[in-house]
PDB file of N, CA and C in Angstrom:
ATOM      1  N   MET A   1     103.179  85.153 128.676  1.00  0.00           N
ATOM      2  CA  MET A   1     101.852  85.739 128.607  1.00  0.00           C
ATOM      3  C   MET A   1     100.818  84.618 128.694  1.00  0.00           C
ATOM      4  N   THR A   2      99.811  84.748 129.534  1.00  0.00           N
ATOM      5  CA  THR A   2      98.781  83.727 129.654  1.00  0.00           C
ATOM      6  C   THR A   2      97.807  83.821 128.514  1.00  0.00           C
ATOM      7  N   SER A   3      96.999  82.772 128.359  1.00  0.00           N
ATOM      8  CA  SER A   3      96.020  82.780 127.264  1.00  0.00           C
ATOM      9  C   SER A   3      94.983  83.890 127.445  1.00  0.00           C
ATOM     10  N   SER A   4      94.637  84.237 128.699  1.00  0.00           N
ATOM     11  CA  SER A   4      93.690  85.340 128.903  1.00  0.00           C
ATOM     12  C   SER A   4      94.304  86.673 128.492  1.00  0.00           C
ATOM     13  N   ASP A   5      95.625  86.838 128.717  1.00  0.00           N
ATOM     14  CA  ASP A   5      96.309  88.047 128.256  1.00  0.00           C
ATOM     15  C   ASP A   5      96.283  88.121 126.737  1.00  0.00           C
ATOM     16  N   GLU A   6      96.514  86.973 126.079  1.00  0.00           N
ATOM     17  CA  GLU A   6      96.503  86.939 124.617  1.00  0.00           C
ATOM     18  C   GLU A   6      95.119  87.283 124.076  1.00  0.00           C
ATOM     19  N   SER A   7      94.052  86.773 124.737  1.00  0.00           N
ATOM     20  CA  SER A   7      92.706  87.080 124.247  1.00  0.00           C
ATOM     21  C   SER A   7      92.379  88.557 124.457  1.00  0.00           C
ATOM     22  N   GLN A   8      92.916  89.153 125.549  1.00  0.00           N
ATOM     23  CA  GLN A   8      92.703  90.579 125.767  1.00  0.00           C
ATOM     24  C   GLN A   8      93.346  91.395 124.661  1.00  0.00           C
ATOM     25  N   ILE A   9      94.551  91.021 124.261  1.00  0.00           N
ATOM     26  CA  ILE A   9      95.223  91.716 123.165  1.00  0.00           C
ATOM     27  C   ILE A   9      94.422  91.559 121.894  1.00  0.00           C
ATOM     28  N   THR A  10      93.941  90.357 121.633  1.00  0.00           N
ATOM     29  CA  THR A  10      93.138  90.104 120.442  1.00  0.00           C
ATOM     30  C   THR A  10      91.853  90.926 120.491  1.00  0.00           C
ATOM     31  N   ASP A  11      91.210  90.950 121.633  1.00  0.00           N
ATOM     32  CA  ASP A  11      89.985  91.741 121.762  1.00  0.00           C
ATOM     33  C   ASP A  11      90.257  93.220 121.485  1.00  0.00           C
ATOM     34  N   ARG A  12      91.351  93.726 122.020  1.00  0.00           N
ATOM     35  CA  ARG A  12      91.701  95.130 121.777  1.00  0.00           C
ATOM     36  C   ARG A  12      91.988  95.374 120.301  1.00  0.00           C
ATOM     37  N   GLN A  13      92.672  94.444 119.673  1.00  0.00           N
ATOM     38  CA  GLN A  13      92.964  94.584 118.246  1.00  0.00           C
ATOM     39  C   GLN A  13      91.678  94.548 117.424  1.00  0.00           C
ATOM     40  N   HIS A  14      90.785  93.638 117.785  1.00  0.00           N
ATOM     41  CA  HIS A  14      89.491  93.578 117.085  1.00  0.00           C
ATOM     42  C   HIS A  14      88.725  94.883 117.262  1.00  0.00           C
ATOM     43  N   GLU A  15      88.700  95.380 118.487  1.00  0.00           N
ATOM     44  CA  GLU A  15      87.967  96.625 118.754  1.00  0.00           C
ATOM     45  C   GLU A  15      88.588  97.792 117.999  1.00  0.00           C
ATOM     46  N   ALA A  16      89.913  97.847 117.943  1.00  0.00           N
ATOM     47  CA  ALA A  16      90.593  98.916 117.194  1.00  0.00           C
ATOM     48  C   ALA A  16      90.256  98.820 115.705  1.00  0.00           C
ATOM     49  N   THR A  17      90.232  97.613 115.183  1.00  0.00           N
ATOM     50  CA  THR A  17      89.873  97.421 113.774  1.00  0.00           C
ATOM     51  C   THR A  17      88.444  97.878 113.532  1.00  0.00           C
ATOM     52  N   LEU A  18      87.543  97.518 114.413  1.00  0.00           N
ATOM     53  CA  LEU A  18      86.141  97.926 114.254  1.00  0.00           C
ATOM     54  C   LEU A  18      85.990  99.444 114.318  1.00  0.00           C
ATOM     55  N   ARG A  19      86.684 100.086 115.239  1.00  0.00           N
ATOM     56  CA  ARG A  19      86.603 101.557 115.319  1.00  0.00           C
ATOM     57  C   ARG A  19      87.114 102.195 114.027  1.00  0.00           C
ATOM     58  N   ARG A  20      88.229 101.671 113.515  1.00  0.00           N
ATOM     59  CA  ARG A  20      88.792 102.184 112.267  1.00  0.00           C
ATOM     60  C   ARG A  20      87.811 101.981 111.101  1.00  0.00           C
ATOM     61  N   LEU A  21      87.187 100.803 111.033  1.00  0.00           N
ATOM     62  CA  LEU A  21      86.233 100.525 109.964  1.00  0.00           C
ATOM     63  C   LEU A  21      84.967 101.366 110.113  1.00  0.00           C
ATOM     64  N   GLU A  22      84.544 101.613 111.333  1.00  0.00           N
ATOM     65  CA  GLU A  22      83.363 102.457 111.537  1.00  0.00           C
ATOM     66  C   GLU A  22      83.629 103.891 111.093  1.00  0.00           C
ATOM     67  N   ARG A  23      84.816 104.408 111.373  1.00  0.00           N
ATOM     68  CA  ARG A  23      85.171 105.757 110.888  1.00  0.00           C
ATOM     69  C   ARG A  23      85.219 105.775 109.363  1.00  0.00           C
ATOM     70  N   PHE A  24      85.877 104.785 108.787  1.00  0.00           N
ATOM     71  CA  PHE A  24      85.970 104.675 107.330  1.00  0.00           C
ATOM     72  C   PHE A  24      84.572 104.604 106.712  1.00  0.00           C
ATOM     73  N   SER A  25      83.716 103.752 107.252  1.00  0.00           N
ATOM     74  CA  SER A  25      82.372 103.563 106.711  1.00  0.00           C
ATOM     75  C   SER A  25      81.528 104.828 106.811  1.00  0.00           C
ATOM     76  N   THR A  26      81.683 105.544 107.911  1.00  0.00           N
ATOM     77  CA  THR A  26      80.955 106.812 108.063  1.00  0.00           C
ATOM     78  C   THR A  26      81.398 107.808 106.999  1.00  0.00           C
ATOM     79  N   VAL A  27      82.699 107.931 106.801  1.00  0.00           N
ATOM     80  CA  VAL A  27      83.207 108.852 105.776  1.00  0.00           C
ATOM     81  C   VAL A  27      82.711 108.428 104.396  1.00  0.00           C
ATOM     82  N   MET A  28      82.752 107.146 104.129  1.00  0.00           N
ATOM     83  CA  MET A  28      82.361 106.648 102.806  1.00  0.00           C
ATOM     84  C   MET A  28      80.854 106.758 102.562  1.00  0.00           C
ATOM     85  N   ASP A  29      80.037 106.542 103.608  1.00  0.00           N
ATOM     86  CA  ASP A  29      78.597 106.398 103.396  1.00  0.00           C
ATOM     87  C   ASP A  29      77.723 107.499 103.964  1.00  0.00           C
ATOM     88  N   SER A  30      78.170 108.218 104.978  1.00  0.00           N
ATOM     89  CA  SER A  30      77.228 109.158 105.603  1.00  0.00           C
ATOM     90  C   SER A  30      77.883 110.298 106.356  1.00  0.00           C
ATOM     91  N   ALA A  31      78.958 110.829 105.859  1.00  0.00           N
ATOM     92  CA  ALA A  31      79.720 111.845 106.585  1.00  0.00           C
ATOM     93  C   ALA A  31      79.041 113.205 106.663  1.00  0.00           C
ATOM     94  N   VAL A  32      78.246 113.549 105.659  1.00  0.00           N
ATOM     95  CA  VAL A  32      77.697 114.904 105.573  1.00  0.00           C
ATOM     96  C   VAL A  32      76.172 114.842 105.428  1.00  0.00           C
ATOM     97  N   ARG A  33      75.497 115.616 106.232  1.00  0.00           N
ATOM     98  CA  ARG A  33      74.030 115.685 106.131  1.00  0.00           C
ATOM     99  C   ARG A  33      73.649 116.705 105.071  1.00  0.00           C
ATOM    100  N   ILE A  34      72.716 116.319 104.208  1.00  0.00           N
ATOM    101  CA  ILE A  34      72.190 117.253 103.215  1.00  0.00           C
ATOM    102  C   ILE A  34      71.303 118.246 103.965  1.00  0.00           C
ATOM    103  N   PRO A  35      71.578 119.547 103.807  1.00  0.00           N
ATOM    104  CA  PRO A  35      70.811 120.546 104.558  1.00  0.00           C
ATOM    105  C   PRO A  35      69.299 120.405 104.375  1.00  0.00           C
ATOM    106  N   PHE A  36      68.582 120.618 105.450  1.00  0.00           N
ATOM    107  CA  PHE A  36      67.121 120.601 105.504  1.00  0.00           C
ATOM    108  C   PHE A  36      66.526 119.222 105.238  1.00  0.00           C
ATOM    109  N   THR A  37      67.336 118.168 105.374  1.00  0.00           N
ATOM    110  CA  THR A  37      66.840 116.792 105.225  1.00  0.00           C
ATOM    111  C   THR A  37      67.408 115.943 106.345  1.00  0.00           C
ATOM    112  N   ARG A  38      66.996 114.710 106.375  1.00  0.00           N
ATOM    113  CA  ARG A  38      67.580 113.734 107.292  1.00  0.00           C
ATOM    114  C   ARG A  38      68.508 112.789 106.534  1.00  0.00           C
ATOM    115  N   ILE A  39      68.918 113.189 105.362  1.00  0.00           N
ATOM    116  CA  ILE A  39      69.730 112.336 104.494  1.00  0.00           C
ATOM    117  C   ILE A  39      71.207 112.684 104.649  1.00  0.00           C
ATOM    118  N   ASN A  40      71.999 111.655 104.899  1.00  0.00           N
ATOM    119  CA  ASN A  40      73.450 111.801 104.976  1.00  0.00           C
ATOM    120  C   ASN A  40      74.084 111.164 103.748  1.00  0.00           C
ATOM    121  N   VAL A  41      75.121 111.782 103.240  1.00  0.00           N
ATOM    122  CA  VAL A  41      75.867 111.223 102.117  1.00  0.00           C
ATOM    123  C   VAL A  41      77.340 111.151 102.501  1.00  0.00           C
ATOM    124  N   GLY A  42      78.041 110.307 101.789  1.00  0.00           N
ATOM    125  CA  GLY A  42      79.462 110.163 102.033  1.00  0.00           C
ATOM    126  C   GLY A  42      80.251 110.297 100.755  1.00  0.00           C
ATOM    127  N   VAL A  43      81.519 110.041 100.878  1.00  0.00           N
ATOM    128  CA  VAL A  43      82.441 110.162  99.756  1.00  0.00           C
ATOM    129  C   VAL A  43      82.018 109.257  98.606  1.00  0.00           C
ATOM    130  N   GLU A  44      81.560 108.054  98.907  1.00  0.00           N
ATOM    131  CA  GLU A  44      81.191 107.116  97.841  1.00  0.00           C
ATOM    132  C   GLU A  44      80.085 107.667  96.957  1.00  0.00           C
ATOM    133  N   ALA A  45      79.090 108.303  97.542  1.00  0.00           N
ATOM    134  CA  ALA A  45      78.009 108.882  96.746  1.00  0.00           C
ATOM    135  C   ALA A  45      78.520 110.026  95.875  1.00  0.00           C
ATOM    136  N   VAL A  46      79.453 110.780  96.383  1.00  0.00           N
ATOM    137  CA  VAL A  46      79.995 111.913  95.628  1.00  0.00           C
ATOM    138  C   VAL A  46      80.880 111.427  94.485  1.00  0.00           C
ATOM    139  N   ILE A  47      81.812 110.510  94.789  1.00  0.00           N
ATOM    140  CA  ILE A  47      82.680 110.037  93.708  1.00  0.00           C
ATOM    141  C   ILE A  47      81.907 109.200  92.699  1.00  0.00           C
ATOM    142  N   GLY A  48      80.789 108.618  93.131  1.00  0.00           N
ATOM    143  CA  GLY A  48      79.944 107.849  92.223  1.00  0.00           C
ATOM    144  C   GLY A  48      79.311 108.701  91.140  1.00  0.00           C
ATOM    145  N   LEU A  49      79.304 110.006  91.335  1.00  0.00           N
ATOM    146  CA  LEU A  49      78.765 110.902  90.303  1.00  0.00           C
ATOM    147  C   LEU A  49      79.657 110.958  89.067  1.00  0.00           C
ATOM    148  N   ILE A  50      80.922 110.566  89.213  1.00  0.00           N
ATOM    149  CA  ILE A  50      81.846 110.529  88.075  1.00  0.00           C
ATOM    150  C   ILE A  50      81.619 109.202  87.353  1.00  0.00           C
ATOM    151  N   PRO A  51      81.120 109.242  86.131  1.00  0.00           N
ATOM    152  CA  PRO A  51      80.809 107.989  85.420  1.00  0.00           C
ATOM    153  C   PRO A  51      82.017 107.050  85.348  1.00  0.00           C
ATOM    154  N   VAL A  52      81.766 105.792  85.518  1.00  0.00           N
ATOM    155  CA  VAL A  52      82.698 104.670  85.441  1.00  0.00           C
ATOM    156  C   VAL A  52      83.823 104.770  86.474  1.00  0.00           C
ATOM    157  N   ILE A  53      84.614 105.818  86.446  1.00  0.00           N
ATOM    158  CA  ILE A  53      85.758 105.959  87.351  1.00  0.00           C
ATOM    159  C   ILE A  53      85.296 106.026  88.801  1.00  0.00           C
ATOM    160  N   GLY A  54      84.265 106.797  89.064  1.00  0.00           N
ATOM    161  CA  GLY A  54      83.762 106.928  90.427  1.00  0.00           C
ATOM    162  C   GLY A  54      83.207 105.621  90.954  1.00  0.00           C
ATOM    163  N   ASP A  55      82.487 104.895  90.102  1.00  0.00           N
ATOM    164  CA  ASP A  55      81.934 103.605  90.526  1.00  0.00           C
ATOM    165  C   ASP A  55      83.051 102.596  90.798  1.00  0.00           C
ATOM    166  N   ALA A  56      84.068 102.586  89.940  1.00  0.00           N
ATOM    167  CA  ALA A  56      85.201 101.678  90.147  1.00  0.00           C
ATOM    168  C   ALA A  56      85.952 102.030  91.431  1.00  0.00           C
ATOM    169  N   ALA A  57      86.148 103.303  91.676  1.00  0.00           N
ATOM    170  CA  ALA A  57      86.840 103.736  92.891  1.00  0.00           C
ATOM    171  C   ALA A  57      86.032 103.343  94.130  1.00  0.00           C
ATOM    172  N   GLY A  58      84.730 103.531  94.079  1.00  0.00           N
ATOM    173  CA  GLY A  58      83.879 103.142  95.200  1.00  0.00           C
ATOM    174  C   GLY A  58      83.945 101.647  95.465  1.00  0.00           C
ATOM    175  N   LEU A  59      83.984 100.865  94.399  1.00  0.00           N
ATOM    176  CA  LEU A  59      84.085  99.409  94.534  1.00  0.00           C
ATOM    177  C   LEU A  59      85.406  99.028  95.195  1.00  0.00           C
ATOM    178  N   LEU A  60      86.489  99.614  94.744  1.00  0.00           N
ATOM    179  CA  LEU A  60      87.798  99.323  95.337  1.00  0.00           C
ATOM    180  C   LEU A  60      87.855  99.727  96.805  1.00  0.00           C
ATOM    181  N   LEU A  61      87.332 100.898  97.115  1.00  0.00           N
ATOM    182  CA  LEU A  61      87.340 101.367  98.498  1.00  0.00           C
ATOM    183  C   LEU A  61      86.485 100.469  99.396  1.00  0.00           C
ATOM    184  N   SER A  62      85.373  99.976  98.875  1.00  0.00           N
ATOM    185  CA  SER A  62      84.519  99.073  99.655  1.00  0.00           C
ATOM    186  C   SER A  62      85.224  97.762  99.962  1.00  0.00           C
ATOM    187  N   GLY A  63      86.173  97.394  99.124  1.00  0.00           N
ATOM    188  CA  GLY A  63      86.936  96.184  99.370  1.00  0.00           C
ATOM    189  C   GLY A  63      87.784  96.250 100.630  1.00  0.00           C
ATOM    190  N   TYR A  64      88.053  97.448 101.109  1.00  0.00           N
ATOM    191  CA  TYR A  64      88.846  97.614 102.334  1.00  0.00           C
ATOM    192  C   TYR A  64      88.167  96.944 103.525  1.00  0.00           C
ATOM    193  N   VAL A  65      86.868  97.129 103.673  1.00  0.00           N
ATOM    194  CA  VAL A  65      86.147  96.521 104.799  1.00  0.00           C
ATOM    195  C   VAL A  65      86.229  95.000 104.696  1.00  0.00           C
ATOM    196  N   LEU A  66      86.055  94.476 103.492  1.00  0.00           N
ATOM    197  CA  LEU A  66      86.142  93.037 103.275  1.00  0.00           C
ATOM    198  C   LEU A  66      87.548  92.513 103.600  1.00  0.00           C
ATOM    199  N   THR A  67      88.560  93.230 103.178  1.00  0.00           N
ATOM    200  CA  THR A  67      89.942  92.840 103.454  1.00  0.00           C
ATOM    201  C   THR A  67      90.214  92.805 104.956  1.00  0.00           C
ATOM    202  N   GLU A  68      89.765  93.814 105.661  1.00  0.00           N
ATOM    203  CA  GLU A  68      89.960  93.849 107.112  1.00  0.00           C
ATOM    204  C   GLU A  68      89.167  92.732 107.795  1.00  0.00           C
ATOM    205  N   ALA A  69      87.976  92.436 107.299  1.00  0.00           N
ATOM    206  CA  ALA A  69      87.180  91.342 107.867  1.00  0.00           C
ATOM    207  C   ALA A  69      87.927  90.022 107.716  1.00  0.00           C
ATOM    208  N   HIS A  70      88.531  89.820 106.570  1.00  0.00           N
ATOM    209  CA  HIS A  70      89.320  88.605 106.351  1.00  0.00           C
ATOM    210  C   HIS A  70      90.514  88.569 107.307  1.00  0.00           C
ATOM    211  N   ARG A  71      91.160  89.699 107.468  1.00  0.00           N
ATOM    212  CA  ARG A  71      92.344  89.791 108.326  1.00  0.00           C
ATOM    213  C   ARG A  71      92.031  89.418 109.775  1.00  0.00           C
ATOM    214  N   VAL A  72      90.853  89.814 110.266  1.00  0.00           N
ATOM    215  CA  VAL A  72      90.514  89.513 111.668  1.00  0.00           C
ATOM    216  C   VAL A  72      89.799  88.175 111.824  1.00  0.00           C
ATOM    217  N   GLY A  73      89.663  87.432 110.718  1.00  0.00           N
ATOM    218  CA  GLY A  73      89.121  86.078 110.818  1.00  0.00           C
ATOM    219  C   GLY A  73      87.617  85.955 110.706  1.00  0.00           C
ATOM    220  N   ALA A  74      86.973  86.839 109.970  1.00  0.00           N
ATOM    221  CA  ALA A  74      85.524  86.730 109.785  1.00  0.00           C
ATOM    222  C   ALA A  74      85.182  85.404 109.099  1.00  0.00           C
ATOM    223  N   SER A  75      84.025  84.893 109.394  1.00  0.00           N
ATOM    224  CA  SER A  75      83.585  83.623 108.806  1.00  0.00           C
ATOM    225  C   SER A  75      83.329  83.767 107.309  1.00  0.00           C
ATOM    226  N   ARG A  76      83.319  82.637 106.637  1.00  0.00           N
ATOM    227  CA  ARG A  76      83.016  82.639 105.199  1.00  0.00           C
ATOM    228  C   ARG A  76      81.607  83.189 104.955  1.00  0.00           C
ATOM    229  N   ARG A  77      80.683  82.864 105.843  1.00  0.00           N
ATOM    230  CA  ARG A  77      79.305  83.327 105.694  1.00  0.00           C
ATOM    231  C   ARG A  77      79.235  84.849 105.728  1.00  0.00           C
ATOM    232  N   VAL A  78      79.918  85.458 106.681  1.00  0.00           N
ATOM    233  CA  VAL A  78      79.904  86.922 106.804  1.00  0.00           C
ATOM    234  C   VAL A  78      80.602  87.558 105.603  1.00  0.00           C
ATOM    235  N   LYS A  79      81.738  87.003 105.202  1.00  0.00           N
ATOM    236  CA  LYS A  79      82.442  87.562 104.043  1.00  0.00           C
ATOM    237  C   LYS A  79      81.606  87.418 102.771  1.00  0.00           C
ATOM    238  N   ALA A  80      80.888  86.301 102.630  1.00  0.00           N
ATOM    239  CA  ALA A  80      80.011  86.132 101.459  1.00  0.00           C
ATOM    240  C   ALA A  80      78.892  87.170 101.475  1.00  0.00           C
ATOM    241  N   HIS A  81      78.343  87.442 102.656  1.00  0.00           N
ATOM    242  CA  HIS A  81      77.299  88.464 102.780  1.00  0.00           C
ATOM    243  C   HIS A  81      77.864  89.843 102.419  1.00  0.00           C
ATOM    244  N   MET A  82      79.094  90.110 102.843  1.00  0.00           N
ATOM    245  CA  MET A  82      79.744  91.382 102.509  1.00  0.00           C
ATOM    246  C   MET A  82      79.945  91.509 101.000  1.00  0.00           C
ATOM    247  N   VAL A  83      80.395  90.423 100.367  1.00  0.00           N
ATOM    248  CA  VAL A  83      80.579  90.443  98.911  1.00  0.00           C
ATOM    249  C   VAL A  83      79.252  90.726  98.220  1.00  0.00           C
ATOM    250  N   LYS A  84      78.174  90.113  98.732  1.00  0.00           N
ATOM    251  CA  LYS A  84      76.841  90.367  98.166  1.00  0.00           C
ATOM    252  C   LYS A  84      76.475  91.843  98.295  1.00  0.00           C
ATOM    253  N   ASN A  85      76.709  92.432  99.468  1.00  0.00           N
ATOM    254  CA  ASN A  85      76.409  93.858  99.661  1.00  0.00           C
ATOM    255  C   ASN A  85      77.220  94.738  98.720  1.00  0.00           C
ATOM    256  N   ILE A  86      78.501  94.418  98.567  1.00  0.00           N
ATOM    257  CA  ILE A  86      79.370  95.195  97.683  1.00  0.00           C
ATOM    258  C   ILE A  86      78.907  95.042  96.238  1.00  0.00           C
ATOM    259  N   ALA A  87      78.545  93.827  95.843  1.00  0.00           N
ATOM    260  CA  ALA A  87      78.089  93.585  94.465  1.00  0.00           C
ATOM    261  C   ALA A  87      76.787  94.329  94.169  1.00  0.00           C
ATOM    262  N   ILE A  88      75.849  94.286  95.098  1.00  0.00           N
ATOM    263  CA  ILE A  88      74.588  95.015  94.916  1.00  0.00           C
ATOM    264  C   ILE A  88      74.875  96.501  94.760  1.00  0.00           C
ATOM    265  N   ASP A  89      75.720  97.025  95.631  1.00  0.00           N
ATOM    266  CA  ASP A  89      76.076  98.445  95.583  1.00  0.00           C
ATOM    267  C   ASP A  89      76.744  98.787  94.251  1.00  0.00           C
ATOM    268  N   ALA A  90      77.633  97.917  93.786  1.00  0.00           N
ATOM    269  CA  ALA A  90      78.357  98.184  92.535  1.00  0.00           C
ATOM    270  C   ALA A  90      77.441  98.092  91.318  1.00  0.00           C
ATOM    271  N   VAL A  91      76.613  97.071  91.271  1.00  0.00           N
ATOM    272  CA  VAL A  91      75.753  96.873  90.096  1.00  0.00           C
ATOM    273  C   VAL A  91      74.676  97.947  90.014  1.00  0.00           C
ATOM    274  N   VAL A  92      73.930  98.119  91.090  1.00  0.00           N
ATOM    275  CA  VAL A  92      72.864  99.127  91.063  1.00  0.00           C
ATOM    276  C   VAL A  92      73.471 100.524  91.020  1.00  0.00           C
ATOM    277  N   GLY A  93      74.579 100.716  91.718  1.00  0.00           N
ATOM    278  CA  GLY A  93      75.245 102.018  91.738  1.00  0.00           C
ATOM    279  C   GLY A  93      75.776 102.457  90.390  1.00  0.00           C
ATOM    280  N   SER A  94      75.974 101.511  89.484  1.00  0.00           N
ATOM    281  CA  SER A  94      76.507 101.861  88.162  1.00  0.00           C
ATOM    282  C   SER A  94      75.443 102.373  87.196  1.00  0.00           C
ATOM    283  N   VAL A  95      74.181 102.254  87.562  1.00  0.00           N
ATOM    284  CA  VAL A  95      73.098 102.749  86.711  1.00  0.00           C
ATOM    285  C   VAL A  95      73.020 104.271  86.851  1.00  0.00           C
ATOM    286  N   PRO A  96      73.147 104.998  85.751  1.00  0.00           N
ATOM    287  CA  PRO A  96      73.114 106.469  85.841  1.00  0.00           C
ATOM    288  C   PRO A  96      71.858 106.977  86.573  1.00  0.00           C
ATOM    289  N   LEU A  97      72.032 107.957  87.394  1.00  0.00           N
ATOM    290  CA  LEU A  97      71.018 108.614  88.218  1.00  0.00           C
ATOM    291  C   LEU A  97      70.400 107.696  89.260  1.00  0.00           C
ATOM    292  N   LEU A  98      69.786 106.600  88.864  1.00  0.00           N
ATOM    293  CA  LEU A  98      69.209 105.664  89.826  1.00  0.00           C
ATOM    294  C   LEU A  98      70.295 105.172  90.780  1.00  0.00           C
ATOM    295  N   GLY A  99      71.451 104.840  90.226  1.00  0.00           N
ATOM    296  CA  GLY A  99      72.560 104.353  91.040  1.00  0.00           C
ATOM    297  C   GLY A  99      73.068 105.382  92.025  1.00  0.00           C
ATOM    298  N   ASP A 100      73.080 106.634  91.597  1.00  0.00           N
ATOM    299  CA  ASP A 100      73.531 107.698  92.500  1.00  0.00           C
ATOM    300  C   ASP A 100      72.588 107.841  93.686  1.00  0.00           C
ATOM    301  N   ALA A 101      71.289 107.768  93.422  1.00  0.00           N
ATOM    302  CA  ALA A 101      70.310 107.829  94.506  1.00  0.00           C
ATOM    303  C   ALA A 101      70.420 106.586  95.395  1.00  0.00           C
ATOM    304  N   PHE A 102      70.617 105.445  94.782  1.00  0.00           N
ATOM    305  CA  PHE A 102      70.753 104.197  95.527  1.00  0.00           C
ATOM    306  C   PHE A 102      71.942 104.258  96.484  1.00  0.00           C
ATOM    307  N   ASP A 103      73.069 104.792  96.021  1.00  0.00           N
ATOM    308  CA  ASP A 103      74.270 104.909  96.852  1.00  0.00           C
ATOM    309  C   ASP A 103      74.010 105.703  98.128  1.00  0.00           C
ATOM    310  N   VAL A 104      73.153 106.687  98.041  1.00  0.00           N
ATOM    311  CA  VAL A 104      72.843 107.528  99.203  1.00  0.00           C
ATOM    312  C   VAL A 104      72.133 106.715 100.288  1.00  0.00           C
ATOM    313  N   PHE A 105      71.336 105.740  99.881  1.00  0.00           N
ATOM    314  CA  PHE A 105      70.502 105.025 100.844  1.00  0.00           C
ATOM    315  C   PHE A 105      71.005 103.623 101.213  1.00  0.00           C
ATOM    316  N   TYR A 106      71.730 102.945 100.343  1.00  0.00           N
ATOM    317  CA  TYR A 106      72.113 101.548 100.596  1.00  0.00           C
ATOM    318  C   TYR A 106      73.236 101.418 101.626  1.00  0.00           C
ATOM    319  N   LYS A 107      74.265 102.225 101.549  1.00  0.00           N
ATOM    320  CA  LYS A 107      75.340 102.300 102.536  1.00  0.00           C
ATOM    321  C   LYS A 107      75.987 100.934 102.829  1.00  0.00           C
ATOM    322  N   ALA A 108      76.565 100.332 101.783  1.00  0.00           N
ATOM    323  CA  ALA A 108      77.160  98.999 101.883  1.00  0.00           C
ATOM    324  C   ALA A 108      78.285  98.921 102.911  1.00  0.00           C
ATOM    325  N   ASN A 109      79.094  99.958 103.033  1.00  0.00           N
ATOM    326  CA  ASN A 109      80.212  99.917 103.987  1.00  0.00           C
ATOM    327  C   ASN A 109      79.715  99.864 105.426  1.00  0.00           C
ATOM    328  N   ILE A 110      78.702 100.642 105.722  1.00  0.00           N
ATOM    329  CA  ILE A 110      78.124 100.613 107.074  1.00  0.00           C
ATOM    330  C   ILE A 110      77.493  99.252 107.346  1.00  0.00           C
ATOM    331  N   ARG A 111      76.791  98.704 106.354  1.00  0.00           N
ATOM    332  CA  ARG A 111      76.190  97.369 106.507  1.00  0.00           C
ATOM    333  C   ARG A 111      77.266  96.325 106.801  1.00  0.00           C
ATOM    334  N   ASN A 112      78.354  96.382 106.033  1.00  0.00           N
ATOM    335  CA  ASN A 112      79.401  95.380 106.181  1.00  0.00           C
ATOM    336  C   ASN A 112      80.141  95.515 107.500  1.00  0.00           C
ATOM    337  N   THR A 113      80.380  96.722 107.934  1.00  0.00           N
ATOM    338  CA  THR A 113      81.039  96.917 109.228  1.00  0.00           C
ATOM    339  C   THR A 113      80.128  96.421 110.351  1.00  0.00           C
ATOM    340  N   ARG A 114      78.844  96.659 110.216  1.00  0.00           N
ATOM    341  CA  ARG A 114      77.882  96.171 111.223  1.00  0.00           C
ATOM    342  C   ARG A 114      77.886  94.633 111.262  1.00  0.00           C
ATOM    343  N   LEU A 115      77.926  93.990 110.095  1.00  0.00           N
ATOM    344  CA  LEU A 115      77.988  92.527 110.048  1.00  0.00           C
ATOM    345  C   LEU A 115      79.217  92.011 110.794  1.00  0.00           C
ATOM    346  N   LEU A 116      80.359  92.639 110.555  1.00  0.00           N
ATOM    347  CA  LEU A 116      81.593  92.214 111.211  1.00  0.00           C
ATOM    348  C   LEU A 116      81.496  92.430 112.718  1.00  0.00           C
ATOM    349  N   ARG A 117      80.997  93.583 113.138  1.00  0.00           N
ATOM    350  CA  ARG A 117      80.865  93.853 114.574  1.00  0.00           C
ATOM    351  C   ARG A 117      79.951  92.812 115.228  1.00  0.00           C
ATOM    352  N   GLU A 118      78.823  92.519 114.606  1.00  0.00           N
ATOM    353  CA  GLU A 118      77.890  91.549 115.184  1.00  0.00           C
ATOM    354  C   GLU A 118      78.547  90.180 115.331  1.00  0.00           C
ATOM    355  N   GLU A 119      79.307  89.772 114.315  1.00  0.00           N
ATOM    356  CA  GLU A 119      79.974  88.472 114.402  1.00  0.00           C
ATOM    357  C   GLU A 119      81.033  88.468 115.505  1.00  0.00           C
ATOM    358  N   LEU A 120      81.846  89.502 115.560  1.00  0.00           N
ATOM    359  CA  LEU A 120      82.890  89.544 116.586  1.00  0.00           C
ATOM    360  C   LEU A 120      82.294  89.629 117.990  1.00  0.00           C
ATOM    361  N   GLU A 121      81.218  90.347 118.154  1.00  0.00           N
ATOM    362  CA  GLU A 121      80.573  90.414 119.465  1.00  0.00           C
ATOM    363  C   GLU A 121      80.028  89.048 119.857  1.00  0.00           C
ATOM    364  N   ARG A 122      79.426  88.367 118.893  1.00  0.00           N
ATOM    365  CA  ARG A 122      78.807  87.070 119.164  1.00  0.00           C
ATOM    366  C   ARG A 122      79.867  85.976 119.383  1.00  0.00           C
ATOM    367  N   ASP A 123      80.868  85.912 118.518  1.00  0.00           N
ATOM    368  CA  ASP A 123      81.801  84.789 118.528  1.00  0.00           C
ATOM    369  C   ASP A 123      83.052  85.009 119.373  1.00  0.00           C
ATOM    370  N   VAL A 124      83.546  86.244 119.444  1.00  0.00           N
ATOM    371  CA  VAL A 124      84.789  86.513 120.149  1.00  0.00           C
ATOM    372  C   VAL A 124      84.537  87.239 121.456  1.00  0.00           C
ATOM    373  N   GLY A 125      83.399  87.876 121.586  1.00  0.00           N
ATOM    374  CA  GLY A 125      83.088  88.624 122.799  1.00  0.00           C
ATOM    375  C   GLY A 125      83.557  90.058 122.765  1.00  0.00           C
ATOM    376  N   VAL A 126      83.946  90.550 121.590  1.00  0.00           N
ATOM    377  CA  VAL A 126      84.376  91.941 121.469  1.00  0.00           C
ATOM    378  C   VAL A 126      83.211  92.844 121.806  1.00  0.00           C
ATOM    379  N   GLY A 127      83.478  93.870 122.602  1.00  0.00           N
ATOM    380  CA  GLY A 127      82.449  94.845 122.947  1.00  0.00           C
ATOM    381  C   GLY A 127      81.647  94.482 124.182  1.00  0.00           C
ATOM    382  N   ARG A 128      81.862  93.277 124.696  1.00  0.00           N
ATOM    383  CA  ARG A 128      81.160  92.875 125.919  1.00  0.00           C
ATOM    384  C   ARG A 128      82.042  93.125 127.134  1.00  0.00           C
ATOM    385  N   ASP A 129      81.430  93.493 128.227  1.00  0.00           N
ATOM    386  CA  ASP A 129      82.197  93.668 129.481  1.00  0.00           C
ATOM    387  C   ASP A 129      81.858  92.579 130.458  1.00  0.00           C
TER     388      ASP A 129
END
């Protein structure tokens, strides 16, 4: 296999990972539109309504995007930014009522997936033709 063939396989793997993370992030952060509004909510906002357990579950689930970013070779800078987004979401999200509203709008998983996509497009050429 030539090096260009290997990079094509890598590009396809990166793109598959990004598609999987984008689906995951949509489900977690914005899967359902609240009727008569422009507001979308996801599983994380719903499970966050359960005190302590919901916030912990949301934190663990958000770690999936970070884990996948590490697996595909994201830079330390991008992973640090992702950790910051997850921490902000976890800390503010843990505040009763305010945190629930914050979860609806902050959408840490979508932010983190976007960071990874931007880095892969810039550094690896994923998504470019």
